[in-house]
């Protein structure tokens, strides 16, 4: 990865297809990788967040107190209707 590279991680299920316009991305030298969450990606993402290199606030669409975990999960599961991208559970 180049020193000036930006990493964006979108972990989760999407409620509808995500359209990527490759003709716009290739000229900008954008690399797109896909895969399932595994034991390598989660620690890497946590390090990026802790190091301030990945700002999730711009991706967070919904916040719920921990006691409303079921409602949070239902919101995320119905992302096409709720427009949920990242759902955050917060301790009181």
N, C-alpha and C. Protein backbone atom coordinates (compact mmCIF):
# COMPACT_ATOMS: atom_id res chain seq x y z
N UNK A 1 0.85 -1.17 0.00
CA UNK A 1 0.00 0.00 0.00
C UNK A 1 0.90 1.24 0.00
N UNK A 2 0.56 2.21 -0.85
CA UNK A 2 1.32 3.45 -0.91
C UNK A 2 1.13 4.27 0.36
N UNK A 3 2.10 5.13 0.67
CA UNK A 3 2.02 5.95 1.88
C UNK A 3 0.80 6.86 1.87
N UNK A 4 0.38 7.33 0.70
CA UNK A 4 -0.76 8.23 0.63
C UNK A 4 -2.07 7.50 0.31
N UNK A 5 -2.06 6.19 0.41
CA UNK A 5 -3.25 5.39 0.11
C UNK A 5 -4.29 5.55 1.21
N UNK A 6 -5.53 5.43 0.84
CA UNK A 6 -6.65 5.49 1.77
C UNK A 6 -7.33 4.13 1.75
N UNK A 7 -7.62 3.61 2.92
CA UNK A 7 -8.30 2.33 3.03
C UNK A 7 -9.71 2.57 3.54
N UNK A 8 -10.67 2.02 2.85
CA UNK A 8 -12.05 2.09 3.30
C UNK A 8 -12.55 0.67 3.44
N UNK A 9 -13.07 0.35 4.60
CA UNK A 9 -13.60 -0.98 4.84
C UNK A 9 -15.09 -0.86 5.08
N UNK A 10 -15.84 -1.65 4.38
CA UNK A 10 -17.28 -1.68 4.57
C UNK A 10 -17.65 -3.10 4.95
N UNK A 11 -17.73 -3.33 6.22
CA UNK A 11 -18.02 -4.66 6.72
C UNK A 11 -19.52 -4.76 6.97
N UNK A 12 -20.15 -5.76 6.42
CA UNK A 12 -21.57 -5.93 6.68
C UNK A 12 -22.32 -6.42 5.46
N UNK A 13 -23.58 -6.60 5.66
CA UNK A 13 -24.46 -7.03 4.57
C UNK A 13 -25.18 -5.82 4.01
N UNK A 14 -25.40 -5.84 2.75
CA UNK A 14 -26.06 -4.71 2.10
C UNK A 14 -27.50 -5.08 1.80
N UNK A 15 -28.38 -4.14 1.93
CA UNK A 15 -29.79 -4.39 1.68
C UNK A 15 -30.14 -4.38 0.21
N UNK A 16 -29.23 -3.91 -0.62
CA UNK A 16 -29.46 -3.88 -2.07
C UNK A 16 -28.11 -3.91 -2.76
N UNK A 17 -28.09 -4.15 -4.05
CA UNK A 17 -26.81 -4.23 -4.75
C UNK A 17 -26.01 -2.93 -4.64
N UNK A 18 -24.70 -3.07 -4.53
CA UNK A 18 -23.80 -1.92 -4.50
C UNK A 18 -23.22 -1.76 -5.91
N UNK A 19 -23.47 -0.63 -6.53
CA UNK A 19 -23.02 -0.39 -7.89
C UNK A 19 -21.66 0.30 -7.85
N UNK A 20 -20.68 -0.30 -8.51
CA UNK A 20 -19.35 0.30 -8.64
C UNK A 20 -19.11 0.64 -10.10
N UNK A 21 -18.72 1.85 -10.37
CA UNK A 21 -18.44 2.28 -11.73
C UNK A 21 -16.94 2.12 -11.97
N UNK A 22 -16.57 0.94 -12.45
CA UNK A 22 -15.16 0.61 -12.61
C UNK A 22 -14.44 1.57 -13.54
N UNK A 23 -15.13 2.10 -14.55
CA UNK A 23 -14.49 3.04 -15.47
C UNK A 23 -14.03 4.31 -14.75
N UNK A 24 -14.66 4.65 -13.64
CA UNK A 24 -14.24 5.81 -12.84
C UNK A 24 -13.15 5.43 -11.84
N UNK A 25 -13.15 4.18 -11.38
CA UNK A 25 -12.20 3.75 -10.36
C UNK A 25 -10.83 3.40 -10.93
N UNK A 26 -10.78 2.77 -12.08
CA UNK A 26 -9.49 2.30 -12.59
C UNK A 26 -8.55 3.45 -12.89
N UNK A 27 -9.06 4.56 -13.37
CA UNK A 27 -8.21 5.71 -13.70
C UNK A 27 -7.62 6.35 -12.44
N UNK A 28 -8.26 6.10 -11.31
CA UNK A 28 -7.78 6.64 -10.03
C UNK A 28 -6.92 5.63 -9.29
N UNK A 29 -6.63 4.50 -9.92
CA UNK A 29 -5.80 3.46 -9.33
C UNK A 29 -6.40 2.93 -8.03
N UNK A 30 -7.71 2.71 -8.05
CA UNK A 30 -8.42 2.18 -6.89
C UNK A 30 -8.39 0.66 -6.94
N UNK A 31 -8.07 0.05 -5.82
CA UNK A 31 -8.09 -1.40 -5.71
C UNK A 31 -9.30 -1.79 -4.87
N UNK A 32 -10.11 -2.69 -5.40
CA UNK A 32 -11.27 -3.17 -4.68
C UNK A 32 -11.04 -4.64 -4.38
N UNK A 33 -11.17 -4.99 -3.11
CA UNK A 33 -11.06 -6.39 -2.72
C UNK A 33 -12.31 -6.77 -1.95
N UNK A 34 -12.68 -7.99 -2.05
CA UNK A 34 -13.84 -8.47 -1.33
C UNK A 34 -13.47 -9.74 -0.58
N UNK A 35 -14.26 -10.08 0.37
CA UNK A 35 -14.01 -11.31 1.11
C UNK A 35 -14.89 -11.36 2.34
N UNK A 36 -14.85 -12.48 2.97
CA UNK A 36 -15.60 -12.67 4.20
C UNK A 36 -14.77 -12.23 5.39
N UNK A 37 -15.43 -11.83 6.44
CA UNK A 37 -14.75 -11.45 7.67
C UNK A 37 -14.06 -12.68 8.23
N UNK A 38 -12.82 -12.52 8.63
CA UNK A 38 -12.08 -13.65 9.17
C UNK A 38 -11.21 -13.19 10.32
N UNK A 39 -10.38 -14.07 10.82
CA UNK A 39 -9.55 -13.75 11.99
C UNK A 39 -8.42 -12.79 11.67
N UNK A 40 -8.19 -12.51 10.40
CA UNK A 40 -7.15 -11.55 10.02
C UNK A 40 -7.74 -10.15 9.87
N UNK A 41 -8.90 -10.05 9.23
CA UNK A 41 -9.44 -8.73 8.92
C UNK A 41 -9.94 -7.96 10.13
N UNK A 42 -10.57 -8.61 11.07
CA UNK A 42 -11.09 -7.89 12.24
C UNK A 42 -9.97 -7.24 13.06
N UNK A 43 -8.90 -7.95 13.44
CA UNK A 43 -7.83 -7.28 14.17
C UNK A 43 -7.18 -6.15 13.36
N UNK A 44 -7.07 -6.32 12.06
CA UNK A 44 -6.51 -5.27 11.22
C UNK A 44 -7.40 -4.04 11.24
N UNK A 45 -8.70 -4.24 11.09
CA UNK A 45 -9.63 -3.11 11.13
C UNK A 45 -9.62 -2.43 12.49
N UNK A 46 -9.57 -3.21 13.57
CA UNK A 46 -9.52 -2.61 14.91
C UNK A 46 -8.26 -1.77 15.10
N UNK A 47 -7.13 -2.23 14.59
CA UNK A 47 -5.89 -1.44 14.68
C UNK A 47 -6.01 -0.14 13.90
N UNK A 48 -6.61 -0.18 12.73
CA UNK A 48 -6.80 1.03 11.94
C UNK A 48 -7.71 2.02 12.65
N UNK A 49 -8.77 1.52 13.26
CA UNK A 49 -9.68 2.40 14.01
C UNK A 49 -8.96 2.99 15.22
N UNK A 50 -8.28 2.15 16.00
CA UNK A 50 -7.58 2.64 17.19
C UNK A 50 -6.47 3.63 16.83
N UNK A 51 -5.85 3.44 15.68
CA UNK A 51 -4.77 4.33 15.25
C UNK A 51 -5.28 5.59 14.58
N UNK A 52 -6.58 5.75 14.49
CA UNK A 52 -7.15 6.95 13.89
C UNK A 52 -7.06 6.97 12.38
N UNK A 53 -6.80 5.83 11.75
CA UNK A 53 -6.66 5.78 10.30
C UNK A 53 -7.96 5.41 9.59
N UNK A 54 -8.94 4.99 10.35
CA UNK A 54 -10.24 4.64 9.79
C UNK A 54 -11.30 5.28 10.67
N UNK A 55 -11.99 6.25 10.12
CA UNK A 55 -13.01 7.00 10.87
C UNK A 55 -14.39 6.42 10.56
N UNK A 56 -14.97 5.74 11.52
CA UNK A 56 -16.27 5.12 11.32
C UNK A 56 -17.44 6.08 11.50
N UNK A 57 -17.18 7.28 12.02
CA UNK A 57 -18.30 8.20 12.29
C UNK A 57 -19.02 8.58 11.00
N UNK A 58 -18.31 8.65 9.89
CA UNK A 58 -18.95 9.02 8.63
C UNK A 58 -19.76 7.87 8.04
N UNK A 59 -19.48 6.64 8.49
CA UNK A 59 -20.20 5.48 7.99
C UNK A 59 -21.34 5.07 8.91
N UNK A 60 -21.35 5.57 10.13
CA UNK A 60 -22.36 5.18 11.11
C UNK A 60 -23.68 5.87 10.79
N UNK A 61 -24.71 5.07 10.59
CA UNK A 61 -26.02 5.63 10.26
C UNK A 61 -27.01 5.52 11.41
N UNK A 62 -26.78 4.59 12.32
CA UNK A 62 -27.71 4.35 13.43
C UNK A 62 -26.93 4.03 14.70
N UNK A 63 -27.45 4.50 15.83
CA UNK A 63 -26.88 4.20 17.14
C UNK A 63 -28.00 3.74 18.07
N UNK A 64 -27.69 2.71 18.85
CA UNK A 64 -28.66 2.16 19.79
C UNK A 64 -27.98 1.89 21.12
N UNK A 65 -28.71 2.06 22.22
CA UNK A 65 -28.15 1.61 23.50
C UNK A 65 -28.09 0.08 23.49
N UNK A 66 -27.18 -0.46 24.27
CA UNK A 66 -26.98 -1.91 24.31
C UNK A 66 -28.26 -2.67 24.59
N UNK A 67 -29.13 -2.10 25.41
CA UNK A 67 -30.40 -2.75 25.75
C UNK A 67 -31.36 -2.89 24.58
N UNK A 68 -31.08 -2.22 23.47
CA UNK A 68 -31.93 -2.30 22.28
C UNK A 68 -31.23 -3.06 21.16
N UNK A 69 -30.43 -4.06 21.55
CA UNK A 69 -29.65 -4.83 20.57
C UNK A 69 -30.55 -5.51 19.54
N UNK A 70 -31.70 -6.02 19.96
CA UNK A 70 -32.61 -6.69 19.02
C UNK A 70 -33.10 -5.69 17.97
N UNK A 71 -33.50 -4.52 18.42
CA UNK A 71 -33.96 -3.48 17.49
C UNK A 71 -32.83 -3.07 16.54
N UNK A 72 -31.62 -2.97 17.07
CA UNK A 72 -30.46 -2.62 16.24
C UNK A 72 -30.22 -3.67 15.17
N UNK A 73 -30.29 -4.93 15.56
CA UNK A 73 -30.09 -6.02 14.61
C UNK A 73 -31.18 -6.01 13.54
N UNK A 74 -32.41 -5.79 13.93
CA UNK A 74 -33.51 -5.74 12.97
C UNK A 74 -33.33 -4.57 12.00
N UNK A 75 -32.86 -3.44 12.49
CA UNK A 75 -32.59 -2.28 11.64
C UNK A 75 -31.53 -2.62 10.60
N UNK A 76 -30.45 -3.26 11.06
CA UNK A 76 -29.37 -3.64 10.15
C UNK A 76 -29.83 -4.70 9.16
N UNK A 77 -30.64 -5.64 9.63
CA UNK A 77 -31.11 -6.73 8.77
C UNK A 77 -32.03 -6.22 7.66
N UNK A 78 -32.67 -5.08 7.88
CA UNK A 78 -33.59 -4.50 6.90
C UNK A 78 -32.99 -3.21 6.31
N UNK A 79 -31.72 -3.31 5.95
CA UNK A 79 -30.97 -2.13 5.49
C UNK A 79 -31.58 -1.46 4.25
N UNK A 80 -32.22 -2.23 3.40
CA UNK A 80 -32.82 -1.65 2.21
C UNK A 80 -33.91 -0.64 2.58
N UNK A 81 -34.63 -0.92 3.65
CA UNK A 81 -35.70 -0.01 4.10
C UNK A 81 -35.19 1.06 5.05
N UNK A 82 -34.28 0.69 5.94
CA UNK A 82 -33.82 1.62 6.99
C UNK A 82 -32.61 2.45 6.57
N UNK A 83 -32.01 2.12 5.43
CA UNK A 83 -30.79 2.79 4.97
C UNK A 83 -29.64 2.65 5.95
N UNK A 84 -29.60 1.54 6.65
CA UNK A 84 -28.53 1.30 7.62
C UNK A 84 -27.25 0.88 6.89
N UNK A 85 -26.16 1.53 7.26
CA UNK A 85 -24.85 1.14 6.74
C UNK A 85 -24.03 0.54 7.88
N UNK A 86 -23.87 1.32 8.94
CA UNK A 86 -23.20 0.85 10.15
C UNK A 86 -24.11 1.13 11.33
N UNK A 87 -24.37 0.10 12.12
CA UNK A 87 -25.21 0.22 13.31
C UNK A 87 -24.30 0.02 14.51
N UNK A 88 -24.32 0.97 15.42
CA UNK A 88 -23.44 0.94 16.58
C UNK A 88 -24.27 0.71 17.84
N UNK A 89 -23.81 -0.25 18.65
CA UNK A 89 -24.40 -0.46 19.98
C UNK A 89 -23.52 0.24 21.00
N UNK A 90 -24.12 1.04 21.86
CA UNK A 90 -23.38 1.83 22.83
C UNK A 90 -23.74 1.43 24.25
N UNK A 91 -22.71 1.39 25.09
CA UNK A 91 -22.97 1.17 26.52
C UNK A 91 -23.58 2.42 27.10
N UNK A 92 -24.42 2.26 28.09
CA UNK A 92 -25.09 3.40 28.74
C UNK A 92 -24.12 4.28 29.48
